[in-house]
N, C-alpha and C. Protein backbone atom coordinates (compact mmCIF):
# COMPACT_ATOMS: atom_id res chain seq x y z
N UNK A 1 35.49 -13.35 13.40
CA UNK A 1 34.97 -12.13 13.31
C UNK A 1 33.50 -12.25 12.62
N UNK A 2 32.54 -11.61 13.40
CA UNK A 2 31.32 -11.70 12.99
C UNK A 2 30.91 -10.68 11.95
N UNK A 3 29.75 -11.07 11.16
CA UNK A 3 29.42 -9.99 10.07
C UNK A 3 27.89 -9.96 10.26
N UNK A 4 27.60 -8.42 10.15
CA UNK A 4 26.24 -8.22 10.19
C UNK A 4 25.61 -7.51 8.97
N UNK A 5 24.53 -7.77 8.44
CA UNK A 5 23.91 -7.01 7.35
C UNK A 5 23.47 -5.77 7.60
N UNK A 6 23.68 -4.65 6.82
CA UNK A 6 23.14 -3.20 7.27
C UNK A 6 22.15 -3.16 6.21
N UNK A 7 20.97 -2.53 6.53
CA UNK A 7 19.67 -2.18 5.53
C UNK A 7 19.17 -0.97 6.06
N UNK A 8 18.73 -0.15 5.16
CA UNK A 8 17.88 1.02 5.57
C UNK A 8 16.95 1.36 4.38
N UNK A 9 15.87 1.95 5.02
CA UNK A 9 14.97 2.32 3.85
C UNK A 9 15.22 3.79 3.16
N UNK A 10 16.29 4.20 3.93
CA UNK A 10 16.44 5.77 3.42
C UNK A 10 17.61 5.62 2.08
N UNK A 11 18.19 4.53 1.67
CA UNK A 11 18.63 4.04 0.50
C UNK A 11 17.97 3.05 -0.40
N UNK A 12 18.46 2.93 -1.72
CA UNK A 12 17.64 1.97 -2.46
C UNK A 12 17.93 0.38 -1.83
N UNK A 13 16.79 -0.42 -2.00
CA UNK A 13 16.92 -1.75 -1.39
C UNK A 13 17.63 -2.39 -2.64
N UNK A 14 18.46 -3.36 -2.12
CA UNK A 14 19.40 -4.24 -2.87
C UNK A 14 18.17 -4.92 -4.15
N UNK A 15 18.76 -4.92 -5.28
CA UNK A 15 18.06 -5.51 -6.27
C UNK A 15 18.38 -6.87 -6.81
N UNK A 16 19.25 -7.60 -6.01
CA UNK A 16 19.80 -8.96 -6.38
C UNK A 16 20.31 -9.41 -5.01
N UNK A 17 21.07 -10.58 -5.14
CA UNK A 17 21.31 -11.24 -3.84
C UNK A 17 22.59 -10.56 -3.22
N UNK A 18 22.33 -9.50 -2.79
CA UNK A 18 23.47 -8.97 -1.91
C UNK A 18 22.89 -7.92 -0.84
N UNK A 19 23.82 -7.23 0.08
CA UNK A 19 23.10 -6.49 1.08
C UNK A 19 23.51 -4.95 0.78
N UNK A 20 22.91 -3.94 1.16
CA UNK A 20 23.21 -2.68 1.05
C UNK A 20 24.48 -2.38 1.80
N UNK A 21 25.16 -2.87 2.78
CA UNK A 21 26.32 -3.22 3.51
C UNK A 21 26.60 -4.22 4.32
N UNK A 22 27.56 -4.74 4.70
CA UNK A 22 27.96 -5.51 5.74
C UNK A 22 28.99 -4.80 6.73
N UNK A 23 28.84 -5.19 7.99
CA UNK A 23 29.64 -4.61 8.92
C UNK A 23 30.20 -5.74 9.49
N UNK A 24 31.74 -5.71 9.24
CA UNK A 24 32.52 -6.81 9.84
C UNK A 24 33.59 -6.65 10.90
N UNK A 25 33.70 -6.64 12.04
CA UNK A 25 34.47 -5.99 12.86
C UNK A 25 34.06 -4.60 13.11
N UNK A 26 35.21 -3.53 12.82
CA UNK A 26 34.93 -2.09 13.06
C UNK A 26 34.94 -1.40 11.67
N UNK A 27 34.70 -2.20 10.61
CA UNK A 27 34.49 -1.75 9.22
C UNK A 27 33.09 -2.07 8.81
N UNK A 28 32.68 -1.06 7.83
CA UNK A 28 31.67 -1.35 7.18
C UNK A 28 31.90 -1.33 5.65
N UNK A 29 31.39 -2.23 4.96
CA UNK A 29 31.73 -2.24 3.43
C UNK A 29 30.15 -2.11 2.62
N UNK A 30 30.27 -0.94 2.06
CA UNK A 30 29.04 -0.78 1.38
C UNK A 30 28.92 -1.59 -0.26
N UNK A 31 27.89 -1.79 -0.47
CA UNK A 31 27.58 -2.17 -1.80
C UNK A 31 27.65 -0.96 -2.83
N UNK A 32 28.15 -1.15 -3.89
CA UNK A 32 28.20 -0.08 -4.93
C UNK A 32 26.77 0.47 -5.29
N UNK A 33 26.77 1.72 -4.94
CA UNK A 33 25.55 2.59 -4.97
C UNK A 33 25.39 3.42 -6.24
N UNK A 34 24.32 3.21 -6.84
CA UNK A 34 24.01 4.18 -8.11
C UNK A 34 22.92 5.13 -7.83
N UNK A 35 22.57 5.92 -8.83
CA UNK A 35 21.70 7.04 -8.68
C UNK A 35 20.19 6.76 -8.47
N UNK A 36 19.82 5.77 -7.67
CA UNK A 36 18.44 5.25 -7.54
C UNK A 36 17.63 6.33 -6.35
N UNK A 37 16.72 6.59 -6.57
CA UNK A 37 15.76 7.34 -5.53
C UNK A 37 15.23 6.07 -4.71
N UNK A 38 15.72 6.23 -3.18
CA UNK A 38 15.31 4.95 -2.52
C UNK A 38 13.68 5.07 -2.49
N UNK A 39 12.84 5.90 -2.58
CA UNK A 39 11.45 5.93 -2.64
C UNK A 39 10.89 5.31 -3.98
N UNK A 40 11.30 5.84 -4.87
CA UNK A 40 10.77 5.37 -6.58
C UNK A 40 11.51 4.20 -6.88
N UNK A 41 12.56 4.32 -6.62
CA UNK A 41 13.59 3.13 -7.28
C UNK A 41 13.84 3.46 -8.74
N UNK A 42 13.79 4.71 -8.91
CA UNK A 42 14.09 5.06 -10.37
C UNK A 42 15.40 5.74 -10.45
N UNK A 43 15.86 5.93 -11.64
CA UNK A 43 17.09 6.70 -11.79
C UNK A 43 16.99 8.03 -11.77
N UNK A 44 17.67 8.99 -10.89
CA UNK A 44 17.55 10.26 -10.96
C UNK A 44 18.16 11.33 -11.79
N UNK A 45 17.60 12.29 -12.54
CA UNK A 45 18.40 12.78 -13.24
C UNK A 45 19.29 12.16 -14.41
N UNK A 46 19.73 12.97 -15.26
CA UNK A 46 20.80 12.24 -16.50
C UNK A 46 22.23 12.83 -16.45
N UNK A 47 22.38 13.69 -15.52
CA UNK A 47 23.68 14.37 -15.38
C UNK A 47 24.61 13.81 -14.52
N UNK A 48 25.73 13.91 -14.67
CA UNK A 48 26.75 13.22 -13.26
C UNK A 48 26.60 13.93 -12.39
N UNK A 49 26.73 15.36 -12.12
CA UNK A 49 26.30 16.05 -10.84
C UNK A 49 25.40 15.43 -9.88
N UNK A 50 23.97 15.57 -10.70
CA UNK A 50 22.82 15.13 -9.93
C UNK A 50 22.80 13.69 -9.58
N UNK A 51 23.50 12.83 -10.54
CA UNK A 51 23.60 11.40 -10.16
C UNK A 51 24.60 11.20 -8.85
N UNK A 52 25.94 12.02 -9.06
CA UNK A 52 26.72 11.62 -7.87
C UNK A 52 26.22 12.21 -6.72
N UNK A 53 25.42 13.26 -6.62
CA UNK A 53 24.81 13.63 -5.44
C UNK A 53 23.82 12.66 -4.78
N UNK A 54 22.85 11.93 -5.56
CA UNK A 54 22.08 11.09 -5.22
C UNK A 54 22.86 9.74 -4.86
N UNK A 55 23.89 9.43 -5.37
CA UNK A 55 24.98 8.05 -4.80
C UNK A 55 25.41 8.45 -3.46
N UNK A 56 25.87 9.63 -3.25
CA UNK A 56 26.38 10.09 -1.66
C UNK A 56 25.36 10.13 -0.87
N UNK A 57 24.23 10.55 -1.30
CA UNK A 57 23.28 10.58 -0.13
C UNK A 57 22.92 9.30 0.02
N UNK A 58 22.82 8.25 -0.83
CA UNK A 58 22.44 6.80 -0.60
C UNK A 58 23.68 6.30 0.38
N UNK A 59 24.83 6.71 -0.09
CA UNK A 59 25.89 5.97 0.91
C UNK A 59 25.57 6.68 2.47
N UNK A 60 25.74 7.79 2.55
CA UNK A 60 25.58 8.45 3.61
C UNK A 60 24.56 7.84 4.58
N UNK A 61 23.47 7.64 3.81
CA UNK A 61 22.14 6.70 4.80
C UNK A 61 22.71 5.52 5.12
N UNK A 62 23.31 4.80 4.33
CA UNK A 62 23.60 3.36 4.62
C UNK A 62 24.75 3.39 5.97
N UNK A 63 25.77 4.42 5.47
CA UNK A 63 26.69 4.64 6.91
C UNK A 63 26.27 4.86 7.99
N UNK A 64 25.22 5.74 7.93
CA UNK A 64 24.75 6.22 9.24
C UNK A 64 23.81 4.94 9.99
N UNK A 65 23.22 4.09 8.85
CA UNK A 65 22.49 3.05 9.65
C UNK A 65 23.40 2.08 10.28
N UNK A 66 24.60 2.27 9.77
CA UNK A 66 25.58 1.27 10.33
C UNK A 66 26.33 1.58 11.58
N UNK A 67 25.99 2.83 12.01
CA UNK A 67 26.62 3.59 13.11
C UNK A 67 28.06 4.42 12.57
N UNK A 68 28.01 4.74 11.64
CA UNK A 68 29.53 5.42 10.89
C UNK A 68 28.91 6.71 10.16
N UNK A 69 29.80 7.07 9.48
CA UNK A 69 29.25 8.30 8.79
C UNK A 69 30.53 8.65 7.45
N UNK A 70 30.19 9.49 6.59
CA UNK A 70 31.14 9.63 5.66
C UNK A 70 32.38 10.21 6.06
N UNK A 71 32.38 11.03 7.09
CA UNK A 71 33.63 11.27 7.73
C UNK A 71 34.73 10.24 7.98
N UNK A 72 34.19 9.11 8.32
CA UNK A 72 34.85 7.88 8.60
C UNK A 72 35.16 6.99 7.46
N UNK A 73 34.92 7.36 6.20
CA UNK A 73 35.44 6.57 5.13
C UNK A 73 36.95 6.59 5.21
N UNK A 74 37.45 5.30 4.76
CA UNK A 74 38.79 5.12 4.57
C UNK A 74 39.40 4.75 3.13
N UNK A 75 38.12 4.42 2.25
CA UNK A 75 38.43 3.77 1.08
C UNK A 75 37.28 3.88 0.11
N UNK A 76 37.49 4.47 -0.93
CA UNK A 76 36.30 4.49 -2.02
C UNK A 76 36.71 4.14 -3.40
N UNK A 77 35.89 3.42 -3.88
CA UNK A 77 36.13 3.11 -5.32
C UNK A 77 34.94 3.70 -6.40
N UNK A 78 35.38 4.50 -7.18
CA UNK A 78 34.46 4.97 -7.94
C UNK A 78 34.58 4.37 -9.39
N UNK A 79 33.49 4.06 -10.06
CA UNK A 79 33.26 3.63 -11.47
C UNK A 79 32.32 4.59 -12.23
N UNK A 80 33.10 4.99 -13.34
CA UNK A 80 32.63 6.15 -14.21
C UNK A 80 32.30 5.62 -15.62
N UNK A 81 31.24 5.71 -16.28
CA UNK A 81 30.84 4.98 -17.46
C UNK A 81 31.71 6.10 -18.58
N UNK A 82 32.04 7.44 -18.21
CA UNK A 82 32.90 8.30 -19.05
C UNK A 82 33.76 8.98 -18.35
N UNK A 83 35.10 8.79 -18.39
CA UNK A 83 36.21 9.62 -17.56
C UNK A 83 36.11 10.80 -17.85
N UNK A 84 35.45 11.33 -18.87
CA UNK A 84 35.30 12.79 -19.42
C UNK A 84 34.39 13.67 -18.20
N UNK A 85 33.53 12.84 -17.37
CA UNK A 85 32.95 13.27 -16.12
C UNK A 85 33.27 13.09 -15.01
N UNK A 86 34.90 12.99 -14.88
CA UNK A 86 35.61 12.75 -13.72
C UNK A 86 35.34 14.35 -12.93
N UNK A 87 35.85 15.40 -13.66
CA UNK A 87 35.92 16.54 -13.01
C UNK A 87 34.69 16.93 -12.16
N UNK A 88 33.30 16.84 -13.11
CA UNK A 88 31.99 17.19 -12.24
C UNK A 88 31.75 16.22 -11.30
N UNK A 89 32.01 14.94 -11.39
CA UNK A 89 31.81 13.74 -10.31
C UNK A 89 32.82 14.11 -9.09
N UNK A 90 34.02 14.45 -9.29
CA UNK A 90 34.95 14.78 -8.30
C UNK A 90 34.41 16.06 -7.47
N UNK A 91 33.86 17.12 -8.12
CA UNK A 91 33.45 18.35 -7.26
C UNK A 91 32.36 17.69 -6.33
N UNK A 92 31.28 16.90 -6.88
CA UNK A 92 30.35 16.71 -5.74
C UNK A 92 31.12 15.81 -4.78
N UNK A 93 31.85 14.72 -5.27
CA UNK A 93 32.50 13.82 -4.32
C UNK A 93 33.05 14.62 -3.25
N UNK A 94 33.98 15.52 -3.52
CA UNK A 94 34.78 16.24 -2.59
C UNK A 94 33.88 17.01 -1.74
N UNK A 95 33.05 17.62 -2.22
CA UNK A 95 31.95 18.28 -1.07
C UNK A 95 31.58 17.23 -0.19
N UNK A 96 31.35 15.94 -0.38
CA UNK A 96 30.98 14.94 0.74
C UNK A 96 32.22 14.31 1.30
N UNK A 97 32.94 14.05 0.71
CA UNK A 97 34.17 13.27 1.42
C UNK A 97 35.66 14.08 1.65
N UNK A 98 35.58 14.82 1.18
CA UNK A 98 36.83 15.90 1.17
C UNK A 98 36.70 17.19 1.46
N UNK A 99 35.72 17.80 2.42
CA UNK A 99 35.38 19.07 2.78
C UNK A 99 36.75 19.43 3.67
N UNK A 100 36.96 20.85 3.66
CA UNK A 100 37.80 21.55 4.22
C UNK A 100 37.78 20.90 5.88
N UNK A 101 38.92 20.55 6.03
CA UNK A 101 39.40 19.78 7.62
C UNK A 101 39.15 18.60 7.62
N UNK A 102 38.61 17.95 6.74
CA UNK A 102 38.52 16.45 6.63
C UNK A 102 39.46 15.66 5.87
N UNK A 103 40.35 14.88 6.39
CA UNK A 103 41.15 14.17 5.37
C UNK A 103 40.12 13.13 4.53
N UNK A 104 40.37 13.24 3.13
CA UNK A 104 39.85 12.27 2.41
C UNK A 104 40.37 10.88 2.49
N UNK A 105 39.47 9.91 1.97
CA UNK A 105 39.84 8.70 2.04
C UNK A 105 40.76 8.19 0.66
N UNK A 106 41.41 7.00 0.79
CA UNK A 106 42.09 6.62 -0.30
C UNK A 106 40.84 6.68 -1.40
N UNK A 107 41.36 6.47 -2.65
CA UNK A 107 40.22 6.36 -3.75
C UNK A 107 41.11 5.79 -4.99
N UNK A 108 40.28 4.74 -5.70
CA UNK A 108 40.58 4.29 -6.82
C UNK A 108 39.18 4.85 -8.04
N UNK A 109 39.50 5.15 -9.00
CA UNK A 109 38.45 5.72 -9.95
C UNK A 109 38.91 4.96 -11.30
N UNK A 110 37.76 4.26 -11.94
CA UNK A 110 37.92 3.73 -13.07
C UNK A 110 36.77 4.05 -14.09
N UNK A 111 37.37 3.74 -15.55
CA UNK A 111 36.13 3.78 -16.32
C UNK A 111 35.67 2.72 -16.74
N UNK A 112 34.22 2.52 -16.79
CA UNK A 112 33.84 0.93 -17.21
C UNK A 112 32.77 1.03 -18.40
N UNK A 113 32.76 -0.05 -19.07
CA UNK A 113 31.90 -0.14 -20.25
C UNK A 113 30.33 0.14 -19.99
N UNK A 114 29.77 -0.35 -18.71
CA UNK A 114 28.70 -0.17 -18.57
C UNK A 114 28.28 -0.36 -17.22
N UNK A 115 27.30 0.39 -16.58
CA UNK A 115 27.02 0.26 -15.22
C UNK A 115 25.31 -0.05 -14.91
N UNK A 116 25.14 -0.65 -14.07
CA UNK A 116 23.60 -0.85 -13.82
C UNK A 116 22.67 0.28 -14.20
N UNK A 117 21.47 -0.21 -14.95
CA UNK A 117 20.42 0.81 -15.25
C UNK A 117 21.01 1.75 -16.04
N UNK A 118 22.22 1.63 -16.70
CA UNK A 118 22.94 2.50 -17.65
C UNK A 118 23.19 3.96 -16.89
N UNK A 119 23.49 4.10 -15.71
CA UNK A 119 23.93 5.18 -14.77
C UNK A 119 25.41 5.63 -15.29
N UNK A 120 25.49 6.56 -14.93
CA UNK A 120 26.86 7.18 -15.14
C UNK A 120 27.96 7.13 -14.10
N UNK A 121 27.61 6.89 -12.96
CA UNK A 121 28.47 6.79 -12.17
C UNK A 121 27.84 5.62 -10.75
N UNK A 122 28.78 4.84 -10.18
CA UNK A 122 28.62 4.09 -9.44
C UNK A 122 29.65 4.09 -8.08
N UNK A 123 29.38 4.24 -6.69
CA UNK A 123 30.56 4.42 -6.00
C UNK A 123 30.30 3.17 -4.76
N UNK A 124 31.41 2.76 -4.14
CA UNK A 124 31.12 1.97 -3.11
C UNK A 124 32.40 2.48 -2.00
N UNK A 125 32.01 2.20 -0.72
CA UNK A 125 32.83 2.80 0.32
C UNK A 125 33.34 1.71 1.23
N UNK A 126 34.28 1.97 1.95
CA UNK A 126 34.75 1.15 3.17
C UNK A 126 34.82 2.29 4.38
N UNK A 127 34.14 2.23 5.61
CA UNK A 127 34.23 3.06 6.54
C UNK A 127 34.60 2.19 7.79
N UNK A 128 35.03 2.93 8.69
CA UNK A 128 35.41 2.68 10.25
C UNK A 128 34.17 3.11 11.05
N UNK A 129 33.78 2.06 11.73
CA UNK A 129 32.77 2.41 12.81
C UNK A 129 33.28 3.06 13.97
């Protein structure tokens, strides 16, 4: 099976030795995305809803660059700095990955001690092409 690196200027550039996403066969594996503005490289806002929205927009851009879409997501992993933010994150997440008529992906959500740049949320996806 071959693998291809996916990169788009519509999402934040990788800030380390990793790719925004990798396509292997008919699957796309994204790197964890945080609430970085792809133009400025700065963290957007300090609230969970705004950060989750930016994360989902970054993921959407990456999947589209890979020839996929959010609706083709089969697995999501969510990392939260504070599980008390779950409901607010879930409301935004659901609007992107579980709107009416779309089967939501499988998901794991965990609370973590710290995330890059001290953001509140990081999400990674696996999607079908």
